[in-house]
Structure formats: structure tokens, C-alpha cells
Amino acid sequence: MTSLDDSITAWALAARAGDADAVEQFVRALHRDVQRYVAYLCADPQAVDDLAQDTFLRALGSLHRFEGRSTARSWLLSIARRSVIDSFRYAAARPRLADVPDWQLAVENAQPRDLPGFDDGVVLLDLLESLPEERREAFVLTQLVGLPYAEAAEAGDCPIGTVRSRVARARATLMALLDETDEPAPLAAA
């Protein structure tokens, strides 16, 4: 992952200097990571694309300040985190009504169901939702997005030891929850 991160950081620095091809490579290389991270942070699946786009707009607008002291991936994910936080603040200040009477049913119906592993993905999302927010964020950054602990600490704005602790506790919680779901149902009395 280090060579890929080095390439991504080099593209960000070249984009800062005005290289249009580097901008495209930078966005293409990190678009999926940003979307996954934003999806786990925000509670509105319909807002993921908008928040990812906002993240890239903010990043491209502030590329002139990126100096490469950290990887471009961790820099961008910290921008994504701030973008989600700002969207929460905006939503709290200006709550909006759902366009659909039963918005939860509409979201569930919009999800693809014929994909391999769909049910496992739903179970994983449910299990992740049961984690406290800080542990979920640390787990997603390190285990799903694949960031090293130091970069996850930077993106999450906390010490590396805190990230390690949160990930360990998240794993323990998830394992306990998985053990609970694997237990056979008790037999009915005859």
C-alpha cells in the first residue's frame, strides 16, 4: 500500500502544480475510499455521493496548501470527515422533511439485492452500527479502508494509541456479537 500511497501523494503534489492528468488520477485513485468512509460516517445513504463530491471540491480547492507532510489519502480522509461533520451541523440547523412518506422503506427498496454477499453486507452494516461511533470510525479506517494506524489517527484527529485501542475493542465487540449470532436456537420442549 505504501507505493500506492506514494503515487497518490505524488499525483496530489503534481495536481497542486497544475497537472490536469494528475488531478484525474488523484480523484480516481481515492474516490472509492472517500465514498466508503463517508458512507460509514453519515447516516444518510442518499448523501454519500454529495459528501464525496464536496470532499473532492474542498480538497481540490485547498491543494495549494497540501505540502505532502502526510499521505494524500489521510489528508483527503480528514477533509471527508470534516465534510460529514459540517453536513451534520447544517442538518441540525436546518432540518428537512423526507420527500417520501416512509423514507426507510424507500431506501431499503432502492438497495440492490441480487449481488453476491448482499446479506453478509447487511449483517456487517448492522454489526458496525452497534459499535460506538469512535470505535466504528477507527475500525472502518483501518480494517475496511486499509489505512495504517498512524494515518487513521491523523484522519480521526486522535493519538495512534487511541486508534489501536478503539480497533481492538471494536474487534472484541464484533467477535462477541458474531458468537451470539452463531449460537443455535434452543430446542423446543417436546
N, C-alpha and C. Protein backbone atom coordinates (compact mmCIF):
# COMPACT_ATOMS: atom_id res chain seq x y z
N MET A 1 0.83 -1.19 0.00
CA MET A 1 0.00 0.00 0.00
C MET A 1 0.88 1.25 0.00
N THR A 2 2.10 1.14 0.50
CA THR A 2 2.97 2.30 0.60
C THR A 2 3.28 2.88 -0.77
N SER A 3 3.59 2.04 -1.76
CA SER A 3 3.91 2.58 -3.08
C SER A 3 2.69 3.24 -3.71
N LEU A 4 1.51 2.68 -3.48
CA LEU A 4 0.29 3.32 -3.98
C LEU A 4 0.08 4.66 -3.30
N ASP A 5 0.26 4.71 -1.99
CA ASP A 5 0.12 5.98 -1.27
C ASP A 5 1.16 6.99 -1.74
N ASP A 6 2.36 6.52 -2.04
CA ASP A 6 3.39 7.42 -2.56
C ASP A 6 2.97 7.98 -3.92
N SER A 7 2.40 7.13 -4.76
CA SER A 7 1.93 7.58 -6.07
C SER A 7 0.80 8.59 -5.94
N ILE A 8 -0.15 8.29 -5.05
CA ILE A 8 -1.29 9.19 -4.84
C ILE A 8 -0.81 10.54 -4.32
N THR A 9 0.13 10.52 -3.40
CA THR A 9 0.68 11.77 -2.87
C THR A 9 1.41 12.52 -3.97
N ALA A 10 2.14 11.81 -4.81
CA ALA A 10 2.84 12.47 -5.93
C ALA A 10 1.83 13.09 -6.90
N TRP A 11 0.70 12.40 -7.13
CA TRP A 11 -0.34 12.98 -8.01
C TRP A 11 -0.93 14.23 -7.38
N ALA A 12 -1.12 14.21 -6.08
CA ALA A 12 -1.67 15.40 -5.40
C ALA A 12 -0.71 16.57 -5.53
N LEU A 13 0.58 16.30 -5.36
CA LEU A 13 1.57 17.38 -5.48
C LEU A 13 1.65 17.89 -6.91
N ALA A 14 1.56 16.99 -7.89
CA ALA A 14 1.57 17.40 -9.29
C ALA A 14 0.29 18.17 -9.62
N ALA A 15 -0.84 17.74 -9.06
CA ALA A 15 -2.11 18.46 -9.27
C ALA A 15 -2.01 19.86 -8.68
N ARG A 16 -1.35 19.97 -7.57
CA ARG A 16 -1.15 21.28 -6.94
C ARG A 16 -0.39 22.21 -7.87
N ALA A 17 0.51 21.62 -8.66
CA ALA A 17 1.31 22.41 -9.61
C ALA A 17 0.56 22.66 -10.92
N GLY A 18 -0.68 22.14 -11.04
CA GLY A 18 -1.48 22.43 -12.22
C GLY A 18 -1.59 21.31 -13.24
N ASP A 19 -1.12 20.12 -12.93
CA ASP A 19 -1.19 18.99 -13.86
C ASP A 19 -2.60 18.40 -13.85
N ALA A 20 -3.35 18.61 -14.94
CA ALA A 20 -4.74 18.15 -15.03
C ALA A 20 -4.83 16.62 -15.00
N ASP A 21 -3.88 15.92 -15.62
CA ASP A 21 -3.89 14.46 -15.59
C ASP A 21 -3.68 13.93 -14.17
N ALA A 22 -2.85 14.62 -13.41
CA ALA A 22 -2.61 14.22 -12.03
C ALA A 22 -3.87 14.40 -11.18
N VAL A 23 -4.64 15.45 -11.47
CA VAL A 23 -5.90 15.66 -10.75
C VAL A 23 -6.82 14.47 -10.99
N GLU A 24 -6.94 14.07 -12.24
CA GLU A 24 -7.82 12.94 -12.58
C GLU A 24 -7.34 11.66 -11.91
N GLN A 25 -6.05 11.39 -11.93
CA GLN A 25 -5.52 10.17 -11.30
C GLN A 25 -5.72 10.21 -9.78
N PHE A 26 -5.51 11.37 -9.19
CA PHE A 26 -5.70 11.54 -7.75
C PHE A 26 -7.14 11.24 -7.35
N VAL A 27 -8.10 11.83 -8.07
CA VAL A 27 -9.52 11.62 -7.77
C VAL A 27 -9.91 10.17 -8.01
N ARG A 28 -9.49 9.62 -9.13
CA ARG A 28 -9.85 8.24 -9.46
C ARG A 28 -9.28 7.26 -8.42
N ALA A 29 -8.07 7.51 -7.95
CA ALA A 29 -7.43 6.59 -7.01
C ALA A 29 -8.12 6.59 -5.64
N LEU A 30 -8.69 7.72 -5.25
CA LEU A 30 -9.23 7.81 -3.89
C LEU A 30 -10.75 7.91 -3.81
N HIS A 31 -11.41 7.95 -4.96
CA HIS A 31 -12.86 8.15 -4.95
C HIS A 31 -13.58 7.06 -4.15
N ARG A 32 -13.23 5.81 -4.36
CA ARG A 32 -13.91 4.70 -3.67
C ARG A 32 -13.65 4.75 -2.16
N ASP A 33 -12.42 5.04 -1.76
CA ASP A 33 -12.11 5.13 -0.33
C ASP A 33 -12.91 6.24 0.33
N VAL A 34 -13.01 7.38 -0.34
CA VAL A 34 -13.77 8.50 0.21
C VAL A 34 -15.24 8.12 0.34
N GLN A 35 -15.79 7.50 -0.69
CA GLN A 35 -17.20 7.10 -0.62
C GLN A 35 -17.46 6.11 0.51
N ARG A 36 -16.60 5.12 0.65
CA ARG A 36 -16.79 4.14 1.73
C ARG A 36 -16.69 4.79 3.09
N TYR A 37 -15.71 5.66 3.26
CA TYR A 37 -15.52 6.31 4.56
C TYR A 37 -16.72 7.20 4.89
N VAL A 38 -17.15 7.99 3.92
CA VAL A 38 -18.29 8.87 4.13
C VAL A 38 -19.55 8.04 4.41
N ALA A 39 -19.72 6.94 3.71
CA ALA A 39 -20.90 6.08 3.91
C ALA A 39 -20.97 5.57 5.34
N TYR A 40 -19.83 5.23 5.93
CA TYR A 40 -19.82 4.73 7.30
C TYR A 40 -19.98 5.84 8.32
N LEU A 41 -19.62 7.06 7.96
CA LEU A 41 -19.74 8.16 8.91
C LEU A 41 -21.13 8.78 8.92
N CYS A 42 -21.77 8.83 7.77
CA CYS A 42 -23.06 9.53 7.73
C CYS A 42 -24.20 8.52 7.77
N ALA A 43 -25.34 9.00 8.21
CA ALA A 43 -26.49 8.12 8.37
C ALA A 43 -27.43 8.17 7.17
N ASP A 44 -27.09 8.96 6.16
CA ASP A 44 -27.99 9.16 5.03
C ASP A 44 -27.35 8.60 3.76
N PRO A 45 -27.77 7.40 3.32
CA PRO A 45 -27.15 6.79 2.13
C PRO A 45 -27.30 7.64 0.88
N GLN A 46 -28.33 8.47 0.83
CA GLN A 46 -28.53 9.32 -0.34
C GLN A 46 -27.56 10.49 -0.36
N ALA A 47 -26.91 10.78 0.76
CA ALA A 47 -25.99 11.91 0.83
C ALA A 47 -24.54 11.53 0.52
N VAL A 48 -24.26 10.25 0.37
CA VAL A 48 -22.88 9.79 0.21
C VAL A 48 -22.21 10.42 -1.02
N ASP A 49 -22.87 10.37 -2.16
CA ASP A 49 -22.26 10.93 -3.37
C ASP A 49 -22.03 12.43 -3.23
N ASP A 50 -23.00 13.13 -2.65
CA ASP A 50 -22.84 14.57 -2.47
C ASP A 50 -21.69 14.89 -1.52
N LEU A 51 -21.58 14.12 -0.44
CA LEU A 51 -20.50 14.36 0.52
C LEU A 51 -19.13 14.01 -0.07
N ALA A 52 -19.08 12.97 -0.88
CA ALA A 52 -17.81 12.62 -1.55
C ALA A 52 -17.43 13.73 -2.52
N GLN A 53 -18.40 14.22 -3.26
CA GLN A 53 -18.12 15.32 -4.20
C GLN A 53 -17.68 16.56 -3.44
N ASP A 54 -18.35 16.86 -2.33
CA ASP A 54 -17.96 18.01 -1.53
C ASP A 54 -16.53 17.85 -1.01
N THR A 55 -16.18 16.63 -0.63
CA THR A 55 -14.82 16.36 -0.14
C THR A 55 -13.79 16.70 -1.22
N PHE A 56 -14.04 16.22 -2.44
CA PHE A 56 -13.09 16.47 -3.51
C PHE A 56 -13.05 17.95 -3.90
N LEU A 57 -14.20 18.62 -3.87
CA LEU A 57 -14.20 20.05 -4.17
C LEU A 57 -13.38 20.82 -3.14
N ARG A 58 -13.56 20.47 -1.88
CA ARG A 58 -12.78 21.12 -0.82
C ARG A 58 -11.29 20.83 -1.00
N ALA A 59 -10.98 19.56 -1.29
CA ALA A 59 -9.57 19.17 -1.42
C ALA A 59 -8.92 19.87 -2.61
N LEU A 60 -9.60 19.87 -3.74
CA LEU A 60 -9.01 20.49 -4.93
C LEU A 60 -8.88 21.99 -4.74
N GLY A 61 -9.80 22.57 -3.99
CA GLY A 61 -9.71 24.00 -3.71
C GLY A 61 -8.60 24.36 -2.74
N SER A 62 -8.16 23.39 -1.96
CA SER A 62 -7.10 23.68 -1.00
C SER A 62 -5.81 22.91 -1.29
N LEU A 63 -5.69 22.36 -2.49
CA LEU A 63 -4.47 21.64 -2.86
C LEU A 63 -3.23 22.52 -2.74
N HIS A 64 -3.41 23.82 -2.95
CA HIS A 64 -2.25 24.72 -2.87
C HIS A 64 -1.63 24.71 -1.46
N ARG A 65 -2.40 24.27 -0.46
CA ARG A 65 -1.87 24.20 0.91
C ARG A 65 -1.32 22.82 1.26
N PHE A 66 -1.57 21.82 0.42
CA PHE A 66 -1.06 20.47 0.69
C PHE A 66 0.43 20.44 0.42
N GLU A 67 1.19 20.06 1.44
CA GLU A 67 2.65 20.05 1.32
C GLU A 67 3.25 18.66 1.30
N GLY A 68 2.43 17.64 1.46
CA GLY A 68 2.95 16.28 1.41
C GLY A 68 3.59 15.81 2.70
N ARG A 69 3.32 16.48 3.82
CA ARG A 69 3.88 16.03 5.10
C ARG A 69 3.22 14.74 5.57
N SER A 70 1.99 14.53 5.13
CA SER A 70 1.30 13.25 5.36
C SER A 70 0.92 12.71 3.99
N THR A 71 0.38 11.50 3.96
CA THR A 71 -0.05 10.98 2.67
C THR A 71 -1.28 11.74 2.21
N ALA A 72 -1.47 11.81 0.92
CA ALA A 72 -2.64 12.49 0.36
C ALA A 72 -3.91 11.77 0.79
N ARG A 73 -3.85 10.45 0.97
CA ARG A 73 -5.02 9.68 1.38
C ARG A 73 -5.49 10.14 2.77
N SER A 74 -4.60 10.22 3.73
CA SER A 74 -5.01 10.62 5.08
C SER A 74 -5.47 12.07 5.10
N TRP A 75 -4.80 12.92 4.31
CA TRP A 75 -5.20 14.32 4.19
C TRP A 75 -6.62 14.41 3.64
N LEU A 76 -6.91 13.66 2.60
CA LEU A 76 -8.23 13.69 1.97
C LEU A 76 -9.29 13.11 2.90
N LEU A 77 -8.99 12.03 3.61
CA LEU A 77 -9.98 11.44 4.51
C LEU A 77 -10.28 12.35 5.70
N SER A 78 -9.30 13.14 6.12
CA SER A 78 -9.60 14.11 7.18
C SER A 78 -10.52 15.21 6.65
N ILE A 79 -10.37 15.57 5.38
CA ILE A 79 -11.29 16.52 4.76
C ILE A 79 -12.68 15.90 4.67
N ALA A 80 -12.76 14.62 4.31
CA ALA A 80 -14.05 13.92 4.23
C ALA A 80 -14.74 13.93 5.59
N ARG A 81 -13.97 13.68 6.61
CA ARG A 81 -14.53 13.67 7.98
C ARG A 81 -15.12 15.04 8.32
N ARG A 82 -14.39 16.10 8.01
CA ARG A 82 -14.90 17.45 8.27
C ARG A 82 -16.13 17.75 7.43
N SER A 83 -16.16 17.24 6.21
CA SER A 83 -17.32 17.44 5.33
C SER A 83 -18.57 16.80 5.94
N VAL A 84 -18.43 15.59 6.47
CA VAL A 84 -19.56 14.91 7.10
C VAL A 84 -19.99 15.67 8.35
N ILE A 85 -19.04 16.08 9.15
CA ILE A 85 -19.37 16.83 10.37
C ILE A 85 -20.11 18.12 10.01
N ASP A 86 -19.63 18.82 9.00
CA ASP A 86 -20.31 20.05 8.57
C ASP A 86 -21.72 19.76 8.08
N SER A 87 -21.92 18.63 7.40
CA SER A 87 -23.27 18.29 6.93
C SER A 87 -24.19 18.00 8.11
N PHE A 88 -23.66 17.37 9.17
CA PHE A 88 -24.47 17.15 10.37
C PHE A 88 -24.86 18.48 11.00
N ARG A 89 -23.90 19.38 11.07
CA ARG A 89 -24.19 20.71 11.65
C ARG A 89 -25.24 21.43 10.82
N TYR A 90 -25.12 21.36 9.52
CA TYR A 90 -26.09 22.02 8.64
C TYR A 90 -27.47 21.39 8.81
N ALA A 91 -27.52 20.07 8.87
CA ALA A 91 -28.81 19.38 9.02
C ALA A 91 -29.44 19.70 10.37
N ALA A 92 -28.64 19.84 11.40
CA ALA A 92 -29.17 20.17 12.71
C ALA A 92 -29.73 21.59 12.73
N ALA A 93 -29.08 22.47 12.01
CA ALA A 93 -29.53 23.85 11.96
C ALA A 93 -30.76 24.01 11.07
N ARG A 94 -30.85 23.20 10.03
CA ARG A 94 -31.95 23.30 9.07
C ARG A 94 -32.50 21.91 8.78
N PRO A 95 -33.27 21.35 9.69
CA PRO A 95 -33.82 20.02 9.43
C PRO A 95 -34.73 20.03 8.20
N ARG A 96 -34.69 18.95 7.43
CA ARG A 96 -35.53 18.87 6.25
C ARG A 96 -36.47 17.68 6.38
N LEU A 97 -37.60 17.82 5.76
CA LEU A 97 -38.58 16.75 5.79
C LEU A 97 -38.27 15.75 4.68
N ALA A 98 -38.59 14.51 4.91
CA ALA A 98 -38.38 13.49 3.88
C ALA A 98 -39.40 13.69 2.77
N ASP A 99 -38.97 13.49 1.52
CA ASP A 99 -39.85 13.62 0.37
C ASP A 99 -40.80 12.43 0.25
N VAL A 100 -40.43 11.32 0.89
CA VAL A 100 -41.18 10.08 0.78
C VAL A 100 -41.81 9.80 2.14
N PRO A 101 -43.09 9.39 2.18
CA PRO A 101 -43.73 9.13 3.49
C PRO A 101 -42.95 8.14 4.34
N ASP A 102 -42.50 7.04 3.76
CA ASP A 102 -41.73 6.05 4.51
C ASP A 102 -40.34 5.99 3.89
N TRP A 103 -39.47 6.90 4.30
CA TRP A 103 -38.16 7.02 3.66
C TRP A 103 -37.30 5.80 3.92
N GLN A 104 -37.43 5.16 5.07
CA GLN A 104 -36.60 3.98 5.34
C GLN A 104 -36.95 2.85 4.39
N LEU A 105 -38.23 2.65 4.14
CA LEU A 105 -38.65 1.62 3.19
C LEU A 105 -38.15 1.96 1.79
N ALA A 106 -38.20 3.23 1.42
CA ALA A 106 -37.73 3.64 0.10
C ALA A 106 -36.24 3.35 -0.06
N VAL A 107 -35.46 3.60 0.98
CA VAL A 107 -34.01 3.34 0.92
C VAL A 107 -33.76 1.84 0.82
N GLU A 108 -34.48 1.05 1.61
CA GLU A 108 -34.31 -0.40 1.56
C GLU A 108 -34.68 -0.96 0.19
N ASN A 109 -35.75 -0.45 -0.39
CA ASN A 109 -36.17 -0.92 -1.71
C ASN A 109 -35.21 -0.50 -2.81
N ALA A 110 -34.47 0.57 -2.60
CA ALA A 110 -33.54 1.06 -3.62
C ALA A 110 -32.22 0.28 -3.61
N GLN A 111 -31.97 -0.51 -2.57
CA GLN A 111 -30.72 -1.25 -2.46
C GLN A 111 -30.75 -2.47 -3.37
N PRO A 112 -29.64 -2.75 -4.08
CA PRO A 112 -29.60 -3.96 -4.90
C PRO A 112 -29.60 -5.20 -4.01
N ARG A 113 -30.35 -6.19 -4.39
CA ARG A 113 -30.47 -7.40 -3.58
C ARG A 113 -29.90 -8.64 -4.25
N ASP A 114 -29.59 -8.54 -5.52
CA ASP A 114 -29.15 -9.74 -6.23
C ASP A 114 -27.62 -9.83 -6.33
N LEU A 115 -26.93 -9.04 -5.55
CA LEU A 115 -25.47 -9.07 -5.59
C LEU A 115 -24.94 -10.15 -4.66
N PRO A 116 -23.83 -10.79 -5.05
CA PRO A 116 -23.26 -11.80 -4.15
C PRO A 116 -22.80 -11.14 -2.85
N GLY A 117 -23.11 -11.77 -1.74
CA GLY A 117 -22.69 -11.26 -0.45
C GLY A 117 -23.54 -10.13 0.09
N PHE A 118 -24.68 -9.85 -0.55
CA PHE A 118 -25.53 -8.74 -0.11
C PHE A 118 -25.97 -8.93 1.33
N ASP A 119 -26.46 -10.14 1.66
CA ASP A 119 -26.94 -10.39 3.02
C ASP A 119 -25.81 -10.24 4.04
N ASP A 120 -24.61 -10.72 3.68
CA ASP A 120 -23.47 -10.55 4.57
C ASP A 120 -23.15 -9.08 4.78
N GLY A 121 -23.28 -8.30 3.71
CA GLY A 121 -23.04 -6.86 3.82
C GLY A 121 -24.03 -6.19 4.74
N VAL A 122 -25.28 -6.61 4.67
CA VAL A 122 -26.31 -6.05 5.55
C VAL A 122 -26.00 -6.41 6.99
N VAL A 123 -25.61 -7.66 7.23
CA VAL A 123 -25.25 -8.09 8.58
C VAL A 123 -24.06 -7.30 9.08
N LEU A 124 -23.04 -7.10 8.23
CA LEU A 124 -21.87 -6.32 8.63
C LEU A 124 -22.27 -4.90 8.98
N LEU A 125 -23.10 -4.28 8.17
CA LEU A 125 -23.55 -2.92 8.47
C LEU A 125 -24.29 -2.87 9.80
N ASP A 126 -25.14 -3.85 10.06
CA ASP A 126 -25.86 -3.89 11.33
C ASP A 126 -24.89 -4.04 12.50
N LEU A 127 -23.91 -4.92 12.33
CA LEU A 127 -22.92 -5.12 13.40
C LEU A 127 -22.11 -3.85 13.62
N LEU A 128 -21.70 -3.20 12.53
CA LEU A 128 -20.92 -1.96 12.66
C LEU A 128 -21.74 -0.87 13.33
N GLU A 129 -23.03 -0.81 13.03
CA GLU A 129 -23.90 0.20 13.64
C GLU A 129 -24.00 0.02 15.15
N SER A 130 -23.78 -1.21 15.64
CA SER A 130 -23.88 -1.45 17.08
C SER A 130 -22.66 -0.93 17.83
N LEU A 131 -21.58 -0.61 17.10
CA LEU A 131 -20.37 -0.10 17.74
C LEU A 131 -20.53 1.38 18.08
N PRO A 132 -19.89 1.82 19.16
CA PRO A 132 -19.86 3.27 19.42
C PRO A 132 -19.17 3.97 18.24
N GLU A 133 -19.55 5.20 17.99
CA GLU A 133 -19.10 5.93 16.80
C GLU A 133 -17.57 5.98 16.67
N GLU A 134 -16.86 6.25 17.76
CA GLU A 134 -15.40 6.37 17.68
C GLU A 134 -14.75 5.04 17.31
N ARG A 135 -15.27 3.95 17.87
CA ARG A 135 -14.71 2.63 17.55
C ARG A 135 -15.04 2.26 16.11
N ARG A 136 -16.26 2.56 15.67
CA ARG A 136 -16.66 2.25 14.30
C ARG A 136 -15.76 3.01 13.32
N GLU A 137 -15.51 4.27 13.58
CA GLU A 137 -14.68 5.07 12.68
C GLU A 137 -13.26 4.50 12.60
N ALA A 138 -12.67 4.17 13.74
CA ALA A 138 -11.31 3.62 13.75
C ALA A 138 -11.27 2.28 13.02
N PHE A 139 -12.28 1.44 13.25
CA PHE A 139 -12.34 0.13 12.60
C PHE A 139 -12.49 0.28 11.09
N VAL A 140 -13.37 1.15 10.65
CA VAL A 140 -13.59 1.35 9.22
C VAL A 140 -12.32 1.87 8.55
N LEU A 141 -11.68 2.86 9.17
CA LEU A 141 -10.47 3.43 8.57
C LEU A 141 -9.36 2.40 8.42
N THR A 142 -9.16 1.58 9.44
CA THR A 142 -8.03 0.66 9.41
C THR A 142 -8.36 -0.66 8.74
N GLN A 143 -9.55 -1.20 9.00
CA GLN A 143 -9.86 -2.55 8.52
C GLN A 143 -10.58 -2.57 7.18
N LEU A 144 -11.36 -1.54 6.87
CA LEU A 144 -12.09 -1.53 5.61
C LEU A 144 -11.44 -0.64 4.56
N VAL A 145 -11.04 0.56 4.99
CA VAL A 145 -10.37 1.46 4.04
C VAL A 145 -8.91 1.06 3.87
N GLY A 146 -8.32 0.48 4.93
CA GLY A 146 -6.95 -0.02 4.84
C GLY A 146 -5.86 0.96 5.21
N LEU A 147 -6.22 2.00 5.96
CA LEU A 147 -5.20 2.97 6.37
C LEU A 147 -4.32 2.39 7.46
N PRO A 148 -3.05 2.74 7.46
CA PRO A 148 -2.20 2.40 8.60
C PRO A 148 -2.72 3.15 9.85
N TYR A 149 -2.41 2.64 11.01
CA TYR A 149 -2.92 3.24 12.25
C TYR A 149 -2.52 4.71 12.38
N ALA A 150 -1.31 5.06 11.98
CA ALA A 150 -0.86 6.45 12.09
C ALA A 150 -1.72 7.38 11.23
N GLU A 151 -2.06 6.94 10.04
CA GLU A 151 -2.88 7.77 9.16
C GLU A 151 -4.33 7.81 9.65
N ALA A 152 -4.81 6.72 10.21
CA ALA A 152 -6.16 6.72 10.77
C ALA A 152 -6.23 7.67 11.96
N ALA A 153 -5.16 7.72 12.74
CA ALA A 153 -5.10 8.66 13.86
C ALA A 153 -5.15 10.09 13.36
N GLU A 154 -4.43 10.35 12.29
CA GLU A 154 -4.43 11.69 11.71
C GLU A 154 -5.81 12.05 11.15
N ALA A 155 -6.42 11.13 10.42
CA ALA A 155 -7.74 11.38 9.84
C ALA A 155 -8.80 11.52 10.93
N GLY A 156 -8.68 10.74 11.99
CA GLY A 156 -9.64 10.79 13.08
C GLY A 156 -9.32 11.82 14.14
N ASP A 157 -8.20 12.51 13.98
CA ASP A 157 -7.80 13.59 14.89
C ASP A 157 -7.69 13.10 16.33
N CYS A 158 -6.91 11.98 16.50
CA CYS A 158 -6.68 11.44 17.84
C CYS A 158 -5.32 10.75 17.84
N PRO A 159 -4.78 10.43 19.01
CA PRO A 159 -3.48 9.74 19.09
C PRO A 159 -3.55 8.32 18.52
N ILE A 160 -2.42 7.83 18.06
CA ILE A 160 -2.35 6.49 17.46
C ILE A 160 -2.73 5.40 18.47
N GLY A 161 -2.34 5.58 19.72
CA GLY A 161 -2.70 4.60 20.75
C GLY A 161 -4.20 4.50 20.95
N THR A 162 -4.88 5.61 20.81
CA THR A 162 -6.34 5.62 20.91
C THR A 162 -6.95 4.84 19.77
N VAL A 163 -6.40 5.00 18.56
CA VAL A 163 -6.91 4.25 17.41
C VAL A 163 -6.71 2.76 17.64
N ARG A 164 -5.52 2.38 18.10
CA ARG A 164 -5.25 0.96 18.36
C ARG A 164 -6.24 0.38 19.38
N SER A 165 -6.47 1.13 20.44
CA SER A 165 -7.40 0.69 21.48
C SER A 165 -8.82 0.57 20.93
N ARG A 166 -9.24 1.56 20.16
CA ARG A 166 -10.59 1.53 19.60
C ARG A 166 -10.79 0.36 18.64
N VAL A 167 -9.78 0.09 17.83
CA VAL A 167 -9.87 -1.02 16.88
C VAL A 167 -9.92 -2.35 17.64
N ALA A 168 -9.08 -2.50 18.65
CA ALA A 168 -9.07 -3.74 19.44
C ALA A 168 -10.42 -3.95 20.12
N ARG A 169 -10.97 -2.89 20.68
CA ARG A 169 -12.28 -3.02 21.35
C ARG A 169 -13.39 -3.28 20.33
N ALA A 170 -13.29 -2.66 19.16
CA ALA A 170 -14.29 -2.90 18.11
C ALA A 170 -14.24 -4.36 17.68
N ARG A 171 -13.03 -4.88 17.48
CA ARG A 171 -12.90 -6.29 17.10
C ARG A 171 -13.50 -7.20 18.14
N ALA A 172 -13.20 -6.94 19.42
CA ALA A 172 -13.72 -7.77 20.50
C ALA A 172 -15.25 -7.73 20.53
N THR A 173 -15.80 -6.54 20.37
CA THR A 173 -17.26 -6.40 20.36
C THR A 173 -17.87 -7.14 19.18
N LEU A 174 -17.27 -6.98 18.00
CA LEU A 174 -17.78 -7.65 16.81
C LEU A 174 -17.70 -9.17 16.95
N MET A 175 -16.60 -9.66 17.51
CA MET A 175 -16.45 -11.10 17.69
C MET A 175 -17.51 -11.62 18.67
N ALA A 176 -17.76 -10.88 19.73
CA ALA A 176 -18.78 -11.29 20.69
C ALA A 176 -20.16 -11.31 20.04
N LEU A 177 -20.43 -10.30 19.23
CA LEU A 177 -21.72 -10.25 18.53
C LEU A 177 -21.84 -11.39 17.53
N LEU A 178 -20.77 -11.71 16.83
CA LEU A 178 -20.80 -12.83 15.89
C LEU A 178 -21.01 -14.15 16.61
N ASP A 179 -20.38 -14.31 17.78
CA ASP A 179 -20.57 -15.52 18.57
C ASP A 179 -22.03 -15.67 18.99
N GLU A 180 -22.66 -14.54 19.32
CA GLU A 180 -24.07 -14.58 19.72
C GLU A 180 -24.95 -15.02 18.56
N THR A 181 -24.63 -14.56 17.34
CA THR A 181 -25.47 -14.90 16.19
C THR A 181 -25.23 -16.33 15.72
N ASP A 182 -24.08 -16.92 16.07
CA ASP A 182 -23.77 -18.28 15.65
C ASP A 182 -24.34 -19.34 16.57
N GLU A 183 -24.83 -18.92 17.75
CA GLU A 183 -25.35 -19.90 18.70
C GLU A 183 -26.63 -20.50 18.14
N PRO A 184 -26.77 -21.81 18.21
CA PRO A 184 -28.02 -22.43 17.71
C PRO A 184 -29.19 -22.06 18.60
N ALA A 185 -30.34 -22.01 18.00
CA ALA A 185 -31.56 -21.71 18.74
C ALA A 185 -31.85 -22.88 19.68
N PRO A 186 -32.37 -22.60 20.87
CA PRO A 186 -32.69 -23.70 21.78
C PRO A 186 -33.81 -24.56 21.22
N LEU A 187 -33.73 -25.84 21.49
CA LEU A 187 -34.74 -26.78 21.00
C LEU A 187 -36.02 -26.59 21.80
N ALA A 188 -37.13 -26.67 21.10
CA ALA A 188 -38.43 -26.55 21.78
C ALA A 188 -38.70 -27.80 22.60
N ALA A 189 -39.34 -27.63 23.72
CA ALA A 189 -39.67 -28.77 24.57
C ALA A 189 -40.73 -29.62 23.86
N ALA A 190 -40.54 -30.93 23.88
CA ALA A 190 -41.47 -31.84 23.19
C ALA A 190 -42.64 -32.20 24.05
